[in-house]
Amino acid sequence: MNWLGRFPRHRILASRLFTLGLLLLYLCTERPLAAGRAAEAAYWTGFLLVMGCMLGRLWSLLYLSGYKTRQVVEAGPFSVTRNPLYLFSFMGAAGLALVANHLWLALALLGAFVLYYPFVVRSEEEGLKRELGAAYEDYCRRVPRFWPRWSRYQRPEAWEVRLRSYDQAWRDALWFPLAFLLLSLLRQAQAAGWLPLCGK
């Protein structure tokens, strides 16, 4: 499983292929999760989760950008979980599943996180242990890997933001609201009959 950490380009390619597969799955199948008011409630709940994901990732990147392999970051969201970016991405994936209102898409999105991301997280942590040594191992013993422990929250009085790194990283957070807009447009197009299911 270590190839995940040694070849990050493979992860990018896998993510792009997976996203394309999800789009085809959405367009070619129909299995709604909910109907009527339940579907409307799911849509707006999904919207809130996607916005929370974007804001959470931006918050996390403020602390992480420019520091990831230089020092152990244990402030802000990194004081309660070692992987806040993946936690907020999980929130965004759940939101997109609700917005899509599509059973198979929801299972594929959530299944990808359950089956794929644990290997990515472990691989990244192994790399950080090699880079940062005992300080990171001590951090791992004190801070949970995924689910946050809010009683540990620490917010520093000041934090130096590495703007050059942050400028490159914050665009990452826009993927989720853009995916939300795309799914919303596809839903509207299909409801209006402009974009019928390709399986029909």
N, C-alpha and C. Protein backbone atom coordinates (compact mmCIF):
# COMPACT_ATOMS: atom_id res chain seq x y z
N MET A 1 0.81 -1.21 0.00
CA MET A 1 0.00 0.00 0.00
C MET A 1 0.85 1.27 0.00
N ASN A 2 2.17 1.17 0.19
CA ASN A 2 3.00 2.36 0.30
C ASN A 2 3.09 3.15 -0.99
N TRP A 3 2.77 2.54 -2.13
CA TRP A 3 2.83 3.28 -3.39
C TRP A 3 1.93 4.50 -3.36
N LEU A 4 0.88 4.50 -2.51
CA LEU A 4 -0.01 5.65 -2.42
C LEU A 4 0.74 6.88 -1.94
N GLY A 5 1.67 6.68 -1.05
CA GLY A 5 2.43 7.81 -0.54
C GLY A 5 3.58 8.19 -1.45
N ARG A 6 4.20 7.20 -2.11
CA ARG A 6 5.37 7.50 -2.92
C ARG A 6 5.01 8.14 -4.25
N PHE A 7 3.80 7.88 -4.75
CA PHE A 7 3.41 8.40 -6.05
C PHE A 7 2.11 9.17 -5.95
N PRO A 8 2.16 10.43 -5.46
CA PRO A 8 0.93 11.20 -5.28
C PRO A 8 0.19 11.45 -6.57
N ARG A 9 0.90 11.43 -7.70
CA ARG A 9 0.22 11.64 -8.98
C ARG A 9 -0.80 10.55 -9.23
N HIS A 10 -0.53 9.35 -8.74
CA HIS A 10 -1.49 8.26 -8.91
C HIS A 10 -2.79 8.58 -8.20
N ARG A 11 -2.68 9.23 -7.03
CA ARG A 11 -3.89 9.59 -6.30
C ARG A 11 -4.70 10.62 -7.08
N ILE A 12 -4.01 11.57 -7.69
CA ILE A 12 -4.69 12.61 -8.47
C ILE A 12 -5.39 11.99 -9.67
N LEU A 13 -4.68 11.10 -10.38
CA LEU A 13 -5.27 10.43 -11.54
C LEU A 13 -6.46 9.58 -11.11
N ALA A 14 -6.30 8.84 -10.00
CA ALA A 14 -7.40 8.00 -9.51
C ALA A 14 -8.60 8.85 -9.14
N SER A 15 -8.36 10.00 -8.53
CA SER A 15 -9.47 10.88 -8.15
C SER A 15 -10.21 11.40 -9.36
N ARG A 16 -9.46 11.77 -10.41
CA ARG A 16 -10.10 12.28 -11.62
C ARG A 16 -10.91 11.19 -12.33
N LEU A 17 -10.36 9.99 -12.40
CA LEU A 17 -11.09 8.89 -13.03
C LEU A 17 -12.33 8.53 -12.22
N PHE A 18 -12.19 8.56 -10.90
CA PHE A 18 -13.33 8.26 -10.03
C PHE A 18 -14.42 9.30 -10.20
N THR A 19 -14.04 10.58 -10.30
CA THR A 19 -15.02 11.65 -10.49
C THR A 19 -15.75 11.48 -11.81
N LEU A 20 -15.01 11.13 -12.87
CA LEU A 20 -15.64 10.88 -14.17
C LEU A 20 -16.61 9.71 -14.09
N GLY A 21 -16.21 8.66 -13.37
CA GLY A 21 -17.09 7.51 -13.20
C GLY A 21 -18.36 7.87 -12.44
N LEU A 22 -18.24 8.73 -11.42
CA LEU A 22 -19.42 9.17 -10.68
C LEU A 22 -20.38 9.96 -11.56
N LEU A 23 -19.83 10.81 -12.42
CA LEU A 23 -20.66 11.60 -13.32
C LEU A 23 -21.44 10.69 -14.27
N LEU A 24 -20.76 9.70 -14.82
CA LEU A 24 -21.43 8.75 -15.73
C LEU A 24 -22.48 7.94 -14.97
N LEU A 25 -22.16 7.55 -13.75
CA LEU A 25 -23.12 6.81 -12.92
C LEU A 25 -24.37 7.64 -12.68
N TYR A 26 -24.18 8.91 -12.40
CA TYR A 26 -25.31 9.80 -12.13
C TYR A 26 -26.18 9.98 -13.37
N LEU A 27 -25.54 10.13 -14.52
CA LEU A 27 -26.28 10.39 -15.75
C LEU A 27 -26.97 9.15 -16.30
N CYS A 28 -26.42 7.98 -15.99
CA CYS A 28 -26.91 6.76 -16.64
C CYS A 28 -27.81 5.90 -15.76
N THR A 29 -27.99 6.28 -14.52
CA THR A 29 -28.84 5.49 -13.63
C THR A 29 -29.77 6.42 -12.86
N GLU A 30 -30.83 5.85 -12.34
CA GLU A 30 -31.77 6.63 -11.54
C GLU A 30 -32.24 5.78 -10.38
N ARG A 31 -31.90 6.19 -9.17
CA ARG A 31 -32.34 5.48 -7.96
C ARG A 31 -32.40 6.53 -6.85
N PRO A 32 -33.49 7.31 -6.79
CA PRO A 32 -33.56 8.41 -5.82
C PRO A 32 -33.56 7.92 -4.37
N LEU A 33 -32.88 8.70 -3.54
CA LEU A 33 -32.86 8.41 -2.10
C LEU A 33 -34.15 8.85 -1.43
N ALA A 34 -34.71 9.96 -1.91
CA ALA A 34 -35.91 10.53 -1.28
C ALA A 34 -36.74 11.23 -2.33
N ALA A 35 -37.98 11.55 -1.96
CA ALA A 35 -38.89 12.25 -2.89
C ALA A 35 -39.63 13.34 -2.11
N GLY A 36 -40.18 14.29 -2.86
CA GLY A 36 -41.00 15.33 -2.26
C GLY A 36 -40.24 16.19 -1.27
N ARG A 37 -40.87 16.43 -0.11
CA ARG A 37 -40.26 17.30 0.90
C ARG A 37 -38.98 16.70 1.46
N ALA A 38 -38.92 15.38 1.53
CA ALA A 38 -37.71 14.73 2.03
C ALA A 38 -36.53 15.02 1.11
N ALA A 39 -36.77 15.00 -0.20
CA ALA A 39 -35.72 15.30 -1.17
C ALA A 39 -35.27 16.75 -1.04
N GLU A 40 -36.24 17.66 -0.82
CA GLU A 40 -35.91 19.07 -0.64
C GLU A 40 -35.07 19.28 0.62
N ALA A 41 -35.47 18.60 1.70
CA ALA A 41 -34.71 18.71 2.95
C ALA A 41 -33.30 18.14 2.79
N ALA A 42 -33.20 17.02 2.06
CA ALA A 42 -31.88 16.43 1.81
C ALA A 42 -31.00 17.38 1.01
N TYR A 43 -31.60 18.06 0.03
CA TYR A 43 -30.85 19.00 -0.82
C TYR A 43 -30.23 20.12 0.02
N TRP A 44 -31.05 20.74 0.87
CA TRP A 44 -30.55 21.87 1.66
C TRP A 44 -29.63 21.43 2.77
N THR A 45 -29.85 20.23 3.30
CA THR A 45 -28.89 19.67 4.26
C THR A 45 -27.55 19.43 3.58
N GLY A 46 -27.60 18.90 2.37
CA GLY A 46 -26.38 18.69 1.60
C GLY A 46 -25.66 20.00 1.32
N PHE A 47 -26.44 21.03 0.98
CA PHE A 47 -25.85 22.36 0.74
C PHE A 47 -25.08 22.85 1.97
N LEU A 48 -25.68 22.71 3.16
CA LEU A 48 -25.02 23.15 4.39
C LEU A 48 -23.75 22.35 4.66
N LEU A 49 -23.79 21.04 4.39
CA LEU A 49 -22.61 20.21 4.59
C LEU A 49 -21.49 20.60 3.63
N VAL A 50 -21.85 20.88 2.38
CA VAL A 50 -20.84 21.28 1.39
C VAL A 50 -20.20 22.62 1.78
N MET A 51 -21.03 23.58 2.21
CA MET A 51 -20.48 24.87 2.64
C MET A 51 -19.61 24.70 3.89
N GLY A 52 -20.05 23.83 4.82
CA GLY A 52 -19.24 23.56 6.00
C GLY A 52 -17.91 22.93 5.64
N CYS A 53 -17.95 22.04 4.64
CA CYS A 53 -16.73 21.41 4.14
C CYS A 53 -15.77 22.45 3.59
N MET A 54 -16.26 23.35 2.75
CA MET A 54 -15.41 24.37 2.15
C MET A 54 -14.79 25.26 3.22
N LEU A 55 -15.60 25.75 4.16
CA LEU A 55 -15.10 26.62 5.21
C LEU A 55 -14.12 25.88 6.12
N GLY A 56 -14.41 24.61 6.42
CA GLY A 56 -13.53 23.82 7.26
C GLY A 56 -12.19 23.58 6.61
N ARG A 57 -12.19 23.31 5.30
CA ARG A 57 -10.93 23.10 4.60
C ARG A 57 -10.13 24.40 4.53
N LEU A 58 -10.79 25.52 4.29
CA LEU A 58 -10.09 26.81 4.28
C LEU A 58 -9.48 27.10 5.66
N TRP A 59 -10.23 26.81 6.71
CA TRP A 59 -9.74 27.00 8.08
C TRP A 59 -8.51 26.13 8.32
N SER A 60 -8.58 24.86 7.93
CA SER A 60 -7.46 23.94 8.14
C SER A 60 -6.22 24.37 7.36
N LEU A 61 -6.44 24.80 6.11
CA LEU A 61 -5.31 25.18 5.27
C LEU A 61 -4.59 26.43 5.76
N LEU A 62 -5.30 27.30 6.49
CA LEU A 62 -4.65 28.46 7.10
C LEU A 62 -3.51 28.02 8.01
N TYR A 63 -3.74 26.94 8.75
CA TYR A 63 -2.74 26.45 9.69
C TYR A 63 -1.68 25.57 9.03
N LEU A 64 -2.09 24.81 8.00
CA LEU A 64 -1.20 23.79 7.44
C LEU A 64 -0.30 24.29 6.33
N SER A 65 -0.78 25.22 5.50
CA SER A 65 -0.05 25.61 4.29
C SER A 65 1.35 26.12 4.62
N GLY A 66 2.33 25.46 4.01
CA GLY A 66 3.72 25.84 4.21
C GLY A 66 4.39 25.18 5.39
N TYR A 67 3.63 24.42 6.20
CA TYR A 67 4.19 23.82 7.41
C TYR A 67 4.19 22.30 7.40
N LYS A 68 3.47 21.70 6.47
CA LYS A 68 3.14 20.28 6.57
C LYS A 68 4.34 19.38 6.85
N THR A 69 5.43 19.53 6.11
CA THR A 69 6.59 18.66 6.32
C THR A 69 7.72 19.36 7.06
N ARG A 70 7.45 20.56 7.58
CA ARG A 70 8.49 21.32 8.28
C ARG A 70 8.38 21.21 9.79
N GLN A 71 7.16 21.13 10.29
CA GLN A 71 6.97 21.04 11.74
C GLN A 71 5.61 20.41 12.02
N VAL A 72 5.44 19.94 13.25
CA VAL A 72 4.16 19.39 13.67
C VAL A 72 3.21 20.55 13.93
N VAL A 73 2.07 20.54 13.26
CA VAL A 73 1.06 21.57 13.46
C VAL A 73 0.03 21.01 14.44
N GLU A 74 -0.06 21.66 15.60
CA GLU A 74 -1.01 21.21 16.62
C GLU A 74 -1.77 22.43 17.14
N ALA A 75 -2.42 23.12 16.23
CA ALA A 75 -3.19 24.31 16.59
C ALA A 75 -4.46 24.32 15.75
N GLY A 76 -5.48 25.04 16.23
CA GLY A 76 -6.74 25.11 15.49
C GLY A 76 -7.32 23.73 15.28
N PRO A 77 -7.75 23.40 14.07
CA PRO A 77 -8.38 22.09 13.82
C PRO A 77 -7.42 20.93 14.04
N PHE A 78 -6.11 21.17 13.91
CA PHE A 78 -5.13 20.09 14.09
C PHE A 78 -4.89 19.77 15.56
N SER A 79 -5.50 20.54 16.45
CA SER A 79 -5.40 20.21 17.88
C SER A 79 -6.45 19.19 18.29
N VAL A 80 -7.48 18.98 17.46
CA VAL A 80 -8.56 18.05 17.82
C VAL A 80 -8.59 16.80 16.95
N THR A 81 -7.97 16.87 15.77
CA THR A 81 -7.88 15.71 14.88
C THR A 81 -6.64 15.85 14.01
N ARG A 82 -6.00 14.72 13.69
CA ARG A 82 -4.78 14.78 12.88
C ARG A 82 -5.10 15.02 11.41
N ASN A 83 -6.32 14.77 11.00
CA ASN A 83 -6.67 14.86 9.59
C ASN A 83 -7.94 15.68 9.36
N PRO A 84 -7.95 16.95 9.74
CA PRO A 84 -9.17 17.73 9.55
C PRO A 84 -9.56 17.91 8.09
N LEU A 85 -8.57 17.94 7.19
CA LEU A 85 -8.90 18.10 5.77
C LEU A 85 -9.72 16.91 5.27
N TYR A 86 -9.34 15.70 5.68
CA TYR A 86 -10.10 14.53 5.27
C TYR A 86 -11.45 14.48 5.97
N LEU A 87 -11.50 14.93 7.22
CA LEU A 87 -12.77 14.98 7.94
C LEU A 87 -13.76 15.90 7.23
N PHE A 88 -13.29 17.10 6.85
CA PHE A 88 -14.18 18.04 6.16
C PHE A 88 -14.51 17.54 4.75
N SER A 89 -13.57 16.85 4.11
CA SER A 89 -13.88 16.27 2.80
C SER A 89 -14.96 15.21 2.91
N PHE A 90 -14.91 14.42 3.98
CA PHE A 90 -15.97 13.43 4.22
C PHE A 90 -17.32 14.13 4.37
N MET A 91 -17.33 15.24 5.10
CA MET A 91 -18.55 16.03 5.25
C MET A 91 -19.05 16.50 3.89
N GLY A 92 -18.12 16.97 3.05
CA GLY A 92 -18.50 17.44 1.71
C GLY A 92 -19.04 16.32 0.84
N ALA A 93 -18.41 15.14 0.93
CA ALA A 93 -18.88 14.00 0.14
C ALA A 93 -20.28 13.59 0.56
N ALA A 94 -20.54 13.59 1.88
CA ALA A 94 -21.89 13.28 2.36
C ALA A 94 -22.89 14.31 1.87
N GLY A 95 -22.47 15.59 1.86
CA GLY A 95 -23.34 16.64 1.36
C GLY A 95 -23.66 16.47 -0.11
N LEU A 96 -22.65 16.14 -0.92
CA LEU A 96 -22.88 15.94 -2.35
C LEU A 96 -23.80 14.75 -2.60
N ALA A 97 -23.66 13.72 -1.77
CA ALA A 97 -24.53 12.55 -1.92
C ALA A 97 -25.99 12.94 -1.67
N LEU A 98 -26.22 13.80 -0.67
CA LEU A 98 -27.59 14.25 -0.39
C LEU A 98 -28.11 15.16 -1.49
N VAL A 99 -27.25 16.03 -2.01
CA VAL A 99 -27.66 16.94 -3.08
C VAL A 99 -28.02 16.15 -4.34
N ALA A 100 -27.23 15.13 -4.65
CA ALA A 100 -27.49 14.32 -5.84
C ALA A 100 -28.79 13.53 -5.71
N ASN A 101 -29.17 13.17 -4.47
CA ASN A 101 -30.38 12.38 -4.24
C ASN A 101 -30.36 11.11 -5.09
N HIS A 102 -29.22 10.43 -5.04
CA HIS A 102 -28.99 9.29 -5.92
C HIS A 102 -28.35 8.18 -5.09
N LEU A 103 -29.02 7.05 -4.95
CA LEU A 103 -28.57 5.99 -4.07
C LEU A 103 -27.18 5.48 -4.44
N TRP A 104 -26.98 5.12 -5.72
CA TRP A 104 -25.70 4.53 -6.12
C TRP A 104 -24.56 5.53 -6.00
N LEU A 105 -24.83 6.80 -6.29
CA LEU A 105 -23.80 7.82 -6.16
C LEU A 105 -23.42 7.99 -4.68
N ALA A 106 -24.42 7.98 -3.81
CA ALA A 106 -24.15 8.10 -2.38
C ALA A 106 -23.30 6.93 -1.88
N LEU A 107 -23.65 5.72 -2.30
CA LEU A 107 -22.89 4.55 -1.88
C LEU A 107 -21.46 4.60 -2.42
N ALA A 108 -21.30 5.07 -3.67
CA ALA A 108 -19.96 5.15 -4.25
C ALA A 108 -19.11 6.20 -3.54
N LEU A 109 -19.68 7.37 -3.26
CA LEU A 109 -18.94 8.43 -2.59
C LEU A 109 -18.51 8.03 -1.18
N LEU A 110 -19.45 7.55 -0.41
CA LEU A 110 -19.14 7.19 0.96
C LEU A 110 -18.29 5.93 1.03
N GLY A 111 -18.52 5.02 0.10
CA GLY A 111 -17.70 3.81 0.04
C GLY A 111 -16.25 4.13 -0.27
N ALA A 112 -16.02 5.12 -1.14
CA ALA A 112 -14.65 5.51 -1.49
C ALA A 112 -13.91 6.00 -0.26
N PHE A 113 -14.59 6.77 0.59
CA PHE A 113 -13.94 7.27 1.80
C PHE A 113 -13.64 6.14 2.77
N VAL A 114 -14.57 5.22 2.91
CA VAL A 114 -14.39 4.13 3.86
C VAL A 114 -13.29 3.17 3.41
N LEU A 115 -13.22 2.88 2.09
CA LEU A 115 -12.31 1.87 1.59
C LEU A 115 -10.96 2.42 1.13
N TYR A 116 -10.95 3.66 0.60
CA TYR A 116 -9.75 4.18 -0.03
C TYR A 116 -8.95 5.12 0.88
N TYR A 117 -9.64 6.05 1.52
CA TYR A 117 -8.93 7.09 2.26
C TYR A 117 -8.18 6.59 3.50
N PRO A 118 -8.61 5.54 4.18
CA PRO A 118 -7.77 5.04 5.28
C PRO A 118 -6.35 4.70 4.84
N PHE A 119 -6.20 4.12 3.62
CA PHE A 119 -4.86 3.80 3.12
C PHE A 119 -4.07 5.08 2.84
N VAL A 120 -4.75 6.09 2.28
CA VAL A 120 -4.08 7.36 1.99
C VAL A 120 -3.61 8.01 3.28
N VAL A 121 -4.48 8.02 4.30
CA VAL A 121 -4.14 8.64 5.58
C VAL A 121 -2.95 7.93 6.21
N ARG A 122 -2.97 6.60 6.24
CA ARG A 122 -1.86 5.86 6.84
C ARG A 122 -0.56 6.11 6.10
N SER A 123 -0.64 6.16 4.78
CA SER A 123 0.55 6.41 3.97
C SER A 123 1.13 7.79 4.26
N GLU A 124 0.26 8.80 4.34
CA GLU A 124 0.74 10.15 4.64
C GLU A 124 1.34 10.22 6.03
N GLU A 125 0.73 9.55 6.98
CA GLU A 125 1.25 9.57 8.34
C GLU A 125 2.62 8.89 8.43
N GLU A 126 2.81 7.83 7.67
CA GLU A 126 4.12 7.18 7.64
C GLU A 126 5.18 8.13 7.10
N GLY A 127 4.83 8.89 6.06
CA GLY A 127 5.76 9.85 5.50
C GLY A 127 6.08 10.96 6.50
N LEU A 128 5.09 11.44 7.24
CA LEU A 128 5.32 12.49 8.22
C LEU A 128 6.15 11.99 9.40
N LYS A 129 5.98 10.73 9.76
CA LYS A 129 6.82 10.17 10.82
C LYS A 129 8.27 10.13 10.38
N ARG A 130 8.52 9.81 9.11
CA ARG A 130 9.90 9.80 8.62
C ARG A 130 10.47 11.22 8.58
N GLU A 131 9.62 12.20 8.19
CA GLU A 131 10.08 13.59 8.06
C GLU A 131 10.26 14.27 9.42
N LEU A 132 9.32 14.05 10.33
CA LEU A 132 9.27 14.83 11.56
C LEU A 132 9.68 14.05 12.81
N GLY A 133 9.80 12.74 12.67
CA GLY A 133 10.35 11.92 13.74
C GLY A 133 9.51 11.82 14.99
N ALA A 134 10.19 11.88 16.14
CA ALA A 134 9.55 11.63 17.43
C ALA A 134 8.46 12.65 17.75
N ALA A 135 8.63 13.89 17.29
CA ALA A 135 7.63 14.93 17.58
C ALA A 135 6.28 14.55 16.98
N TYR A 136 6.31 14.01 15.75
CA TYR A 136 5.04 13.63 15.12
C TYR A 136 4.47 12.36 15.75
N GLU A 137 5.33 11.42 16.14
CA GLU A 137 4.85 10.21 16.80
C GLU A 137 4.17 10.55 18.12
N ASP A 138 4.73 11.52 18.85
CA ASP A 138 4.10 11.96 20.10
C ASP A 138 2.75 12.62 19.82
N TYR A 139 2.69 13.40 18.75
CA TYR A 139 1.43 14.03 18.33
C TYR A 139 0.38 12.97 18.03
N CYS A 140 0.78 11.91 17.34
CA CYS A 140 -0.14 10.82 17.00
C CYS A 140 -0.68 10.13 18.24
N ARG A 141 0.13 10.04 19.28
CA ARG A 141 -0.34 9.38 20.51
C ARG A 141 -1.38 10.23 21.24
N ARG A 142 -1.34 11.53 21.07
CA ARG A 142 -2.20 12.42 21.84
C ARG A 142 -3.46 12.87 21.10
N VAL A 143 -3.42 12.88 19.76
CA VAL A 143 -4.51 13.45 18.97
C VAL A 143 -5.15 12.36 18.12
N PRO A 144 -6.47 12.23 18.12
CA PRO A 144 -7.14 11.18 17.33
C PRO A 144 -6.91 11.35 15.84
N ARG A 145 -6.92 10.23 15.14
CA ARG A 145 -6.63 10.26 13.70
C ARG A 145 -7.73 10.94 12.91
N PHE A 146 -9.00 10.73 13.25
CA PHE A 146 -10.08 11.23 12.39
C PHE A 146 -11.15 11.99 13.17
N TRP A 147 -11.90 11.28 14.04
CA TRP A 147 -13.00 11.93 14.74
C TRP A 147 -12.44 12.89 15.77
N PRO A 148 -12.88 14.14 15.75
CA PRO A 148 -12.27 15.17 16.61
C PRO A 148 -12.58 14.98 18.09
N ARG A 149 -11.62 15.37 18.91
CA ARG A 149 -11.79 15.42 20.36
C ARG A 149 -11.77 16.91 20.73
N TRP A 150 -12.95 17.51 20.81
CA TRP A 150 -13.05 18.97 20.94
C TRP A 150 -12.53 19.50 22.27
N SER A 151 -12.43 18.65 23.27
CA SER A 151 -11.89 19.10 24.55
C SER A 151 -10.41 19.49 24.44
N ARG A 152 -9.74 19.07 23.35
CA ARG A 152 -8.32 19.39 23.16
C ARG A 152 -8.12 20.68 22.37
N TYR A 153 -9.18 21.36 21.99
CA TYR A 153 -9.04 22.49 21.08
C TYR A 153 -8.12 23.57 21.64
N GLN A 154 -7.17 23.99 20.81
CA GLN A 154 -6.22 25.05 21.16
C GLN A 154 -6.17 26.07 20.03
N ARG A 155 -6.34 27.31 20.38
CA ARG A 155 -6.27 28.38 19.39
C ARG A 155 -5.18 29.36 19.80
N PRO A 156 -4.14 29.50 18.99
CA PRO A 156 -3.06 30.41 19.38
C PRO A 156 -3.47 31.87 19.27
N GLU A 157 -2.79 32.73 20.00
CA GLU A 157 -3.05 34.16 19.91
C GLU A 157 -2.71 34.70 18.52
N ALA A 158 -1.68 34.14 17.92
CA ALA A 158 -1.28 34.57 16.58
C ALA A 158 -0.74 33.37 15.82
N TRP A 159 -0.86 33.42 14.49
CA TRP A 159 -0.35 32.33 13.64
C TRP A 159 0.14 32.95 12.34
N GLU A 160 1.35 32.62 11.97
CA GLU A 160 1.92 33.14 10.72
C GLU A 160 1.41 32.31 9.54
N VAL A 161 0.67 32.95 8.65
CA VAL A 161 0.12 32.27 7.48
C VAL A 161 1.10 32.40 6.32
N ARG A 162 1.49 31.28 5.74
CA ARG A 162 2.38 31.28 4.58
C ARG A 162 1.51 31.51 3.34
N LEU A 163 1.40 32.77 2.95
CA LEU A 163 0.43 33.14 1.91
C LEU A 163 0.72 32.49 0.57
N ARG A 164 1.99 32.34 0.22
CA ARG A 164 2.29 31.73 -1.07
C ARG A 164 1.76 30.30 -1.13
N SER A 165 1.97 29.54 -0.07
CA SER A 165 1.46 28.16 -0.03
C SER A 165 -0.06 28.15 0.06
N TYR A 166 -0.61 29.09 0.85
CA TYR A 166 -2.06 29.13 1.01
C TYR A 166 -2.75 29.51 -0.30
N ASP A 167 -2.16 30.43 -1.04
CA ASP A 167 -2.74 30.83 -2.33
C ASP A 167 -2.82 29.65 -3.29
N GLN A 168 -1.86 28.74 -3.19
CA GLN A 168 -1.88 27.56 -4.06
C GLN A 168 -2.85 26.50 -3.57
N ALA A 169 -3.09 26.48 -2.25
CA ALA A 169 -3.88 25.40 -1.66
C ALA A 169 -5.36 25.71 -1.54
N TRP A 170 -5.75 26.98 -1.39
CA TRP A 170 -7.16 27.27 -1.08
C TRP A 170 -8.08 26.92 -2.24
N ARG A 171 -7.54 26.93 -3.46
CA ARG A 171 -8.38 26.57 -4.63
C ARG A 171 -8.93 25.15 -4.50
N ASP A 172 -8.19 24.33 -3.76
CA ASP A 172 -8.62 22.96 -3.50
C ASP A 172 -10.00 22.91 -2.86
N ALA A 173 -10.25 23.88 -1.97
CA ALA A 173 -11.51 23.89 -1.23
C ALA A 173 -12.70 24.22 -2.12
N LEU A 174 -12.44 24.81 -3.28
CA LEU A 174 -13.54 25.22 -4.17
C LEU A 174 -14.14 24.03 -4.93
N TRP A 175 -13.44 22.88 -4.92
CA TRP A 175 -13.95 21.74 -5.68
C TRP A 175 -15.34 21.35 -5.20
N PHE A 176 -15.57 21.38 -3.90
CA PHE A 176 -16.86 20.92 -3.37
C PHE A 176 -18.02 21.85 -3.74
N PRO A 177 -17.91 23.18 -3.56
CA PRO A 177 -19.02 24.02 -4.02
C PRO A 177 -19.22 23.97 -5.53
N LEU A 178 -18.14 23.80 -6.30
CA LEU A 178 -18.29 23.67 -7.75
C LEU A 178 -19.03 22.38 -8.10
N ALA A 179 -18.71 21.30 -7.39
CA ALA A 179 -19.42 20.04 -7.61
C ALA A 179 -20.89 20.19 -7.23
N PHE A 180 -21.16 20.94 -6.16
CA PHE A 180 -22.54 21.21 -5.76
C PHE A 180 -23.29 21.94 -6.88
N LEU A 181 -22.66 22.96 -7.47
CA LEU A 181 -23.30 23.70 -8.56
C LEU A 181 -23.56 22.80 -9.76
N LEU A 182 -22.58 21.95 -10.09
CA LEU A 182 -22.74 21.05 -11.23
C LEU A 182 -23.90 20.08 -10.99
N LEU A 183 -23.96 19.48 -9.81
CA LEU A 183 -25.05 18.56 -9.51
C LEU A 183 -26.41 19.26 -9.53
N SER A 184 -26.44 20.49 -9.02
CA SER A 184 -27.69 21.24 -9.02
C SER A 184 -28.15 21.51 -10.45
N LEU A 185 -27.22 21.89 -11.31
CA LEU A 185 -27.56 22.15 -12.71
C LEU A 185 -28.03 20.87 -13.41
N LEU A 186 -27.36 19.76 -13.13
CA LEU A 186 -27.76 18.49 -13.74
C LEU A 186 -29.15 18.07 -13.28
N ARG A 187 -29.44 18.28 -11.98
CA ARG A 187 -30.77 17.96 -11.47
C ARG A 187 -31.84 18.79 -12.17
N GLN A 188 -31.57 20.08 -12.32
CA GLN A 188 -32.53 20.96 -12.99
C GLN A 188 -32.71 20.57 -14.45
N ALA A 189 -31.61 20.24 -15.11
CA ALA A 189 -31.68 19.87 -16.53
C ALA A 189 -32.47 18.59 -16.72
N GLN A 190 -32.25 17.61 -15.84
CA GLN A 190 -33.00 16.36 -15.95
C GLN A 190 -34.47 16.56 -15.61
N ALA A 191 -34.77 17.39 -14.60
CA ALA A 191 -36.15 17.64 -14.23
C ALA A 191 -36.91 18.34 -15.36
N ALA A 192 -36.20 19.19 -16.12
CA ALA A 192 -36.82 19.92 -17.22
C ALA A 192 -36.87 19.09 -18.51
N GLY A 193 -36.24 17.90 -18.49
CA GLY A 193 -36.21 17.05 -19.68
C GLY A 193 -35.16 17.44 -20.69
N TRP A 194 -34.27 18.37 -20.32
CA TRP A 194 -33.21 18.79 -21.24
C TRP A 194 -32.07 17.78 -21.28
N LEU A 195 -31.96 17.00 -20.22
CA LEU A 195 -30.86 16.05 -20.14
C LEU A 195 -31.41 14.72 -19.65
N PRO A 196 -32.02 13.95 -20.54
CA PRO A 196 -32.62 12.67 -20.12
C PRO A 196 -31.54 11.67 -19.74
N LEU A 197 -31.94 10.67 -18.98
CA LEU A 197 -31.01 9.60 -18.60
C LEU A 197 -30.53 8.89 -19.85
N CYS A 198 -29.22 8.62 -19.94
CA CYS A 198 -28.68 7.97 -21.14
C CYS A 198 -29.11 6.51 -21.23
N GLY A 199 -29.58 5.96 -20.11
CA GLY A 199 -30.06 4.58 -20.13
C GLY A 199 -31.46 4.43 -20.67
N LYS A 200 -32.14 5.58 -20.91
CA LYS A 200 -33.52 5.51 -21.37
C LYS A 200 -33.60 5.66 -22.88
